[in-house]
N, C-alpha and C. Protein backbone atom coordinates (compact mmCIF):
# COMPACT_ATOMS: atom_id res chain seq x y z
N MET A 1 319.79 430.56 264.22
CA MET A 1 318.84 429.52 263.99
C MET A 1 318.97 428.88 262.64
N PHE A 2 319.11 429.70 261.70
CA PHE A 2 319.26 429.15 260.36
C PHE A 2 320.73 429.09 260.01
N ILE A 3 321.10 427.98 259.47
CA ILE A 3 322.50 427.83 259.09
C ILE A 3 322.56 427.74 257.58
N LYS A 4 323.36 428.54 257.02
CA LYS A 4 323.51 428.56 255.56
C LYS A 4 324.67 427.65 255.18
N LYS A 5 324.38 426.73 254.26
CA LYS A 5 325.42 425.81 253.81
C LYS A 5 326.05 426.38 252.55
N ASN A 6 327.32 426.37 252.51
CA ASN A 6 328.05 426.85 251.34
C ASN A 6 328.44 425.71 250.41
N LYS A 7 328.10 424.54 250.79
CA LYS A 7 328.46 423.39 249.96
C LYS A 7 327.51 423.30 248.77
N THR A 8 328.08 423.08 247.66
CA THR A 8 327.25 422.85 246.47
C THR A 8 327.28 421.37 246.17
N GLU A 9 326.13 420.85 245.93
CA GLU A 9 326.05 419.42 245.64
C GLU A 9 326.48 419.18 244.21
N PRO A 10 327.32 418.15 244.01
CA PRO A 10 327.74 417.86 242.64
C PRO A 10 326.55 417.41 241.80
N GLN A 11 326.52 417.90 240.58
CA GLN A 11 325.43 417.50 239.69
C GLN A 11 325.83 416.24 238.95
N ILE A 12 324.91 415.34 238.88
CA ILE A 12 325.14 414.09 238.18
C ILE A 12 324.45 414.19 236.83
N SER A 13 325.25 414.06 235.79
CA SER A 13 324.65 414.13 234.46
C SER A 13 324.43 412.72 233.95
N GLU A 14 323.28 412.53 233.39
CA GLU A 14 322.94 411.23 232.83
C GLU A 14 322.95 411.33 231.32
N ALA A 15 323.51 410.31 230.71
CA ALA A 15 323.53 410.28 229.25
C ALA A 15 322.10 410.05 228.75
N ALA A 16 321.74 410.85 227.79
CA ALA A 16 320.40 410.70 227.23
C ALA A 16 320.35 409.41 226.42
N THR A 17 319.36 408.62 226.69
CA THR A 17 319.22 407.38 225.93
C THR A 17 318.37 407.65 224.71
N PRO A 18 318.82 407.16 223.55
CA PRO A 18 318.03 407.38 222.33
C PRO A 18 316.71 406.63 222.42
N PRO A 19 315.69 407.17 221.79
CA PRO A 19 314.40 406.48 221.82
C PRO A 19 314.52 405.12 221.13
N ALA A 20 313.83 404.17 221.68
CA ALA A 20 313.87 402.82 221.13
C ALA A 20 313.21 402.80 219.76
N ILE A 21 313.83 402.11 218.85
CA ILE A 21 313.26 401.97 217.51
C ILE A 21 312.45 400.69 217.51
N ASN A 22 311.17 400.85 217.26
CA ASN A 22 310.30 399.68 217.26
C ASN A 22 310.27 399.07 215.87
N PRO A 23 310.70 397.83 215.76
CA PRO A 23 310.61 397.19 214.45
C PRO A 23 309.16 396.99 214.06
N GLU A 24 308.92 397.03 212.77
CA GLU A 24 307.56 396.87 212.27
C GLU A 24 307.09 395.44 212.51
N PRO A 25 305.91 395.26 213.08
CA PRO A 25 305.43 393.90 213.31
C PRO A 25 305.27 393.14 212.00
N GLU A 26 305.47 391.84 212.07
CA GLU A 26 305.40 391.01 210.86
C GLU A 26 304.02 391.05 210.23
N ALA A 27 302.97 391.13 211.05
CA ALA A 27 301.62 391.14 210.50
C ALA A 27 301.41 392.35 209.60
N VAL A 28 301.93 393.50 209.99
CA VAL A 28 301.79 394.70 209.17
C VAL A 28 302.69 394.60 207.95
N ALA A 29 303.89 394.10 208.14
CA ALA A 29 304.83 394.00 207.02
C ALA A 29 304.33 393.04 205.96
N SER A 30 303.64 391.99 206.35
CA SER A 30 303.18 391.02 205.37
C SER A 30 302.05 391.56 204.51
N LYS A 31 301.38 392.64 204.94
CA LYS A 31 300.31 393.22 204.16
C LYS A 31 300.82 394.15 203.07
N LYS A 32 302.08 394.53 203.16
CA LYS A 32 302.64 395.41 202.14
C LYS A 32 302.81 394.63 200.84
N HIS A 33 302.62 395.31 199.75
CA HIS A 33 302.78 394.68 198.45
C HIS A 33 303.94 395.36 197.73
N GLU A 34 304.80 394.56 197.21
CA GLU A 34 305.94 395.08 196.47
C GLU A 34 305.49 395.48 195.07
N THR A 35 306.16 396.46 194.51
CA THR A 35 305.89 396.91 193.16
C THR A 35 307.03 396.47 192.27
N THR A 36 306.69 395.91 191.12
CA THR A 36 307.69 395.49 190.15
C THR A 36 307.69 396.48 189.00
N VAL A 37 308.88 396.96 188.64
CA VAL A 37 309.01 397.91 187.54
C VAL A 37 310.02 397.35 186.55
N ILE A 38 309.59 397.23 185.30
CA ILE A 38 310.51 396.90 184.20
C ILE A 38 310.82 398.23 183.54
N ALA A 39 312.04 398.70 183.74
CA ALA A 39 312.42 400.04 183.29
C ALA A 39 312.57 400.11 181.78
N SER A 40 312.49 401.32 181.25
CA SER A 40 312.70 401.50 179.81
C SER A 40 314.14 401.11 179.49
N GLY A 41 314.32 400.52 178.34
CA GLY A 41 315.64 400.04 177.94
C GLY A 41 315.92 398.62 178.40
N VAL A 42 315.01 398.03 179.19
CA VAL A 42 315.18 396.66 179.68
C VAL A 42 314.30 395.73 178.87
N HIS A 43 314.87 394.59 178.44
CA HIS A 43 314.11 393.55 177.75
C HIS A 43 314.15 392.32 178.64
N PHE A 44 313.03 392.02 179.29
CA PHE A 44 312.93 390.89 180.21
C PHE A 44 312.33 389.71 179.45
N VAL A 45 313.02 388.56 179.50
CA VAL A 45 312.53 387.35 178.85
C VAL A 45 312.25 386.33 179.94
N GLY A 46 310.99 385.95 180.07
CA GLY A 46 310.58 385.00 181.11
C GLY A 46 309.22 385.38 181.66
N ASN A 47 308.71 384.54 182.55
CA ASN A 47 307.40 384.78 183.14
C ASN A 47 307.54 385.55 184.45
N ILE A 48 306.56 386.40 184.73
CA ILE A 48 306.54 387.18 185.97
C ILE A 48 305.28 386.79 186.74
N VAL A 49 305.46 386.37 188.00
CA VAL A 49 304.35 386.15 188.91
C VAL A 49 304.58 387.12 190.06
N ALA A 50 303.73 388.14 190.16
CA ALA A 50 303.95 389.23 191.11
C ALA A 50 302.91 389.21 192.23
N SER A 51 303.35 389.62 193.42
CA SER A 51 302.43 389.74 194.56
C SER A 51 302.07 391.21 194.80
N GLY A 52 302.33 392.05 193.82
CA GLY A 52 302.01 393.47 193.91
C GLY A 52 301.79 394.02 192.52
N HIS A 53 301.78 395.33 192.41
CA HIS A 53 301.57 395.99 191.13
C HIS A 53 302.78 395.81 190.22
N VAL A 54 302.53 395.83 188.90
CA VAL A 54 303.59 395.70 187.90
C VAL A 54 303.47 396.86 186.92
N TYR A 55 304.58 397.56 186.70
CA TYR A 55 304.63 398.66 185.74
C TYR A 55 305.67 398.32 184.68
N ILE A 56 305.24 398.32 183.41
CA ILE A 56 306.12 397.94 182.30
C ILE A 56 306.47 399.20 181.50
N HIS A 57 307.72 399.61 181.57
CA HIS A 57 308.22 400.72 180.75
C HIS A 57 309.05 400.18 179.60
N GLY A 58 309.60 398.98 179.77
CA GLY A 58 310.46 398.36 178.76
C GLY A 58 309.71 397.25 178.03
N GLN A 59 310.42 396.15 177.74
CA GLN A 59 309.82 395.04 177.00
C GLN A 59 309.80 393.79 177.87
N VAL A 60 308.70 393.04 177.76
CA VAL A 60 308.58 391.74 178.42
C VAL A 60 308.16 390.73 177.37
N THR A 61 308.94 389.65 177.27
CA THR A 61 308.57 388.53 176.42
C THR A 61 308.29 387.37 177.37
N GLY A 62 307.03 387.12 177.61
CA GLY A 62 306.62 386.09 178.57
C GLY A 62 305.30 386.48 179.21
N ASN A 63 304.79 385.60 180.03
CA ASN A 63 303.50 385.82 180.68
C ASN A 63 303.68 386.63 181.97
N ILE A 64 302.66 387.44 182.29
CA ILE A 64 302.69 388.24 183.51
C ILE A 64 301.42 387.94 184.30
N GLU A 65 301.59 387.61 185.59
CA GLU A 65 300.45 387.32 186.44
C GLU A 65 300.57 388.12 187.74
N ALA A 66 299.53 388.88 188.03
CA ALA A 66 299.41 389.62 189.29
C ALA A 66 297.93 389.56 189.67
N LYS A 67 297.50 388.41 190.15
CA LYS A 67 296.08 388.10 190.29
C LYS A 67 295.24 389.15 190.99
N GLU A 68 295.70 389.70 192.07
CA GLU A 68 294.90 390.65 192.83
C GLU A 68 295.38 392.09 192.69
N HIS A 69 296.16 392.36 191.65
CA HIS A 69 296.80 393.67 191.57
C HIS A 69 296.71 394.27 190.17
N LEU A 70 297.36 395.41 190.03
CA LEU A 70 297.36 396.20 188.80
C LEU A 70 298.58 395.86 187.95
N ILE A 71 298.37 395.75 186.65
CA ILE A 71 299.46 395.70 185.69
C ILE A 71 299.23 396.87 184.74
N LYS A 72 300.25 397.71 184.60
CA LYS A 72 300.13 398.86 183.71
C LYS A 72 301.28 398.81 182.71
N VAL A 73 300.91 398.77 181.43
CA VAL A 73 301.88 398.83 180.34
C VAL A 73 301.96 400.29 179.93
N MET A 74 303.08 400.90 180.22
CA MET A 74 303.26 402.32 179.98
C MET A 74 303.40 402.61 178.48
N ARG A 75 303.43 403.87 178.12
CA ARG A 75 303.41 404.29 176.72
C ARG A 75 304.49 403.62 175.88
N GLU A 76 305.70 403.50 176.38
CA GLU A 76 306.79 402.87 175.62
C GLU A 76 306.91 401.38 175.91
N GLY A 77 306.06 400.85 176.79
CA GLY A 77 306.14 399.45 177.18
C GLY A 77 305.57 398.51 176.14
N GLN A 78 306.12 397.29 176.12
CA GLN A 78 305.66 396.25 175.19
C GLN A 78 305.63 394.91 175.91
N VAL A 79 304.57 394.15 175.67
CA VAL A 79 304.43 392.82 176.25
C VAL A 79 304.06 391.86 175.14
N GLU A 80 304.83 390.78 175.03
CA GLU A 80 304.49 389.67 174.13
C GLU A 80 304.26 388.46 175.01
N GLY A 81 302.99 388.21 175.33
CA GLY A 81 302.64 387.10 176.21
C GLY A 81 301.28 387.34 176.81
N ASN A 82 300.85 386.41 177.64
CA ASN A 82 299.54 386.50 178.28
C ASN A 82 299.64 387.31 179.57
N VAL A 83 298.56 388.06 179.85
CA VAL A 83 298.53 388.92 181.03
C VAL A 83 297.28 388.57 181.84
N SER A 84 297.47 388.35 183.14
CA SER A 84 296.36 388.02 184.03
C SER A 84 296.49 388.85 185.30
N CYS A 85 295.42 389.63 185.61
CA CYS A 85 295.47 390.51 186.77
C CYS A 85 294.07 390.98 187.14
N ARG A 86 293.97 391.73 188.23
CA ARG A 86 292.69 392.32 188.62
C ARG A 86 292.37 393.52 187.74
N GLU A 87 293.38 394.39 187.55
CA GLU A 87 293.18 395.59 186.73
C GLU A 87 294.33 395.72 185.75
N LEU A 88 294.00 395.90 184.48
CA LEU A 88 295.01 396.05 183.42
C LEU A 88 294.81 397.39 182.73
N ILE A 89 295.88 398.16 182.64
CA ILE A 89 295.85 399.43 181.91
C ILE A 89 296.92 399.34 180.84
N ILE A 90 296.49 399.52 179.59
CA ILE A 90 297.41 399.41 178.45
C ILE A 90 297.56 400.79 177.82
N ASP A 91 298.77 401.33 177.88
CA ASP A 91 299.07 402.59 177.21
C ASP A 91 300.23 402.37 176.24
N GLY A 92 300.69 401.13 176.16
CA GLY A 92 301.74 400.73 175.24
C GLY A 92 301.20 399.66 174.30
N LYS A 93 301.98 398.60 174.09
CA LYS A 93 301.57 397.56 173.15
C LYS A 93 301.58 396.20 173.84
N VAL A 94 300.49 395.44 173.65
CA VAL A 94 300.37 394.09 174.20
C VAL A 94 299.95 393.15 173.08
N GLN A 95 300.66 392.01 172.98
CA GLN A 95 300.29 390.95 172.05
C GLN A 95 300.08 389.69 172.88
N GLY A 96 298.82 389.24 172.97
CA GLY A 96 298.54 388.03 173.74
C GLY A 96 297.14 388.06 174.32
N GLN A 97 296.87 387.09 175.18
CA GLN A 97 295.58 386.98 175.84
C GLN A 97 295.62 387.77 177.15
N CYS A 98 294.57 388.55 177.39
CA CYS A 98 294.49 389.37 178.59
C CYS A 98 293.26 388.99 179.40
N HIS A 99 293.45 388.72 180.70
CA HIS A 99 292.36 388.39 181.61
C HIS A 99 292.40 389.36 182.77
N GLY A 100 291.25 389.99 183.05
CA GLY A 100 291.21 390.91 184.19
C GLY A 100 289.79 391.34 184.50
N ASP A 101 289.58 391.78 185.73
CA ASP A 101 288.27 392.30 186.10
C ASP A 101 288.00 393.61 185.37
N SER A 102 289.02 394.47 185.30
CA SER A 102 288.88 395.77 184.66
C SER A 102 290.04 395.96 183.69
N ILE A 103 289.72 396.23 182.44
CA ILE A 103 290.75 396.45 181.42
C ILE A 103 290.49 397.80 180.76
N THR A 104 291.53 398.62 180.71
CA THR A 104 291.45 399.93 180.08
C THR A 104 292.54 400.03 179.03
N ILE A 105 292.14 400.39 177.80
CA ILE A 105 293.10 400.66 176.74
C ILE A 105 293.15 402.18 176.59
N GLU A 106 294.29 402.75 176.95
CA GLU A 106 294.46 404.21 176.93
C GLU A 106 294.64 404.71 175.50
N GLU A 107 294.77 406.01 175.34
CA GLU A 107 294.83 406.64 174.01
C GLU A 107 296.02 406.20 173.17
N HIS A 108 297.11 405.76 173.79
CA HIS A 108 298.26 405.27 173.04
C HIS A 108 298.36 403.75 173.10
N GLY A 109 297.36 403.11 173.70
CA GLY A 109 297.37 401.66 173.88
C GLY A 109 297.02 400.91 172.60
N HIS A 110 297.65 399.74 172.46
CA HIS A 110 297.43 398.90 171.29
C HIS A 110 297.43 397.45 171.76
N LEU A 111 296.33 396.74 171.51
CA LEU A 111 296.22 395.34 171.92
C LEU A 111 295.95 394.47 170.71
N GLU A 112 296.80 393.47 170.53
CA GLU A 112 296.58 392.43 169.52
C GLU A 112 296.41 391.13 170.27
N GLY A 113 295.19 390.62 170.31
CA GLY A 113 294.93 389.39 171.03
C GLY A 113 293.50 389.32 171.49
N THR A 114 293.28 388.57 172.56
CA THR A 114 291.93 388.37 173.08
C THR A 114 291.82 388.95 174.48
N LEU A 115 290.56 389.24 174.86
CA LEU A 115 290.27 389.81 176.17
C LEU A 115 289.22 388.97 176.88
N ALA A 116 289.39 388.81 178.19
CA ALA A 116 288.35 388.28 179.07
C ALA A 116 288.26 389.28 180.21
N TYR A 117 287.07 389.89 180.42
CA TYR A 117 286.97 391.01 181.35
C TYR A 117 285.57 391.11 181.93
N ARG A 118 285.44 391.89 183.01
CA ARG A 118 284.13 392.28 183.55
C ARG A 118 283.79 393.69 183.12
N ALA A 119 284.81 394.55 183.05
CA ALA A 119 284.61 395.94 182.64
C ALA A 119 285.70 396.30 181.64
N LEU A 120 285.30 396.94 180.54
CA LEU A 120 286.24 397.31 179.48
C LEU A 120 286.04 398.77 179.12
N ALA A 121 287.15 399.50 179.00
CA ALA A 121 287.11 400.89 178.54
C ALA A 121 288.20 401.06 177.50
N ILE A 122 287.82 401.63 176.35
CA ILE A 122 288.80 401.94 175.31
C ILE A 122 288.69 403.44 175.05
N LYS A 123 289.76 404.15 175.36
CA LYS A 123 289.76 405.59 175.16
C LYS A 123 290.02 405.93 173.70
N LYS A 124 289.63 407.13 173.31
CA LYS A 124 289.82 407.59 171.94
C LYS A 124 291.30 407.48 171.59
N GLY A 125 291.58 406.78 170.49
CA GLY A 125 292.96 406.56 170.06
C GLY A 125 293.46 405.17 170.42
N GLY A 126 292.81 404.51 171.39
CA GLY A 126 293.19 403.15 171.77
C GLY A 126 292.79 402.16 170.68
N VAL A 127 293.61 401.12 170.48
CA VAL A 127 293.37 400.16 169.40
C VAL A 127 293.22 398.76 170.00
N PHE A 128 292.14 398.07 169.53
CA PHE A 128 291.91 396.67 169.90
C PHE A 128 291.51 395.92 168.66
């Protein structure tokens, strides 16, 4: 009644397809903000208009503008020019006019110039 088949069916192997890589939608990509870094040992001459945060480790001779973002002058950083941003942190040296919602002069910070601000903090050791 029962018939046993000795035939083995050939196995078909399928190549595994790699998962599709979904490119990032433009709407999400446009919300990212680039960070600008002026490295130590670099002397940049000219104006900077940034759409993201700016970190100064070297020297900048010129104006810096990052209207809705942070500009931080690091301990060895120097800026000769006007600075305009939402938040400014000075731990190096700035000579010029500074405009920002929040301005902080850190313990190694030195500012020669004028300030326009909503909130100001000068830490012990900071010079204005």
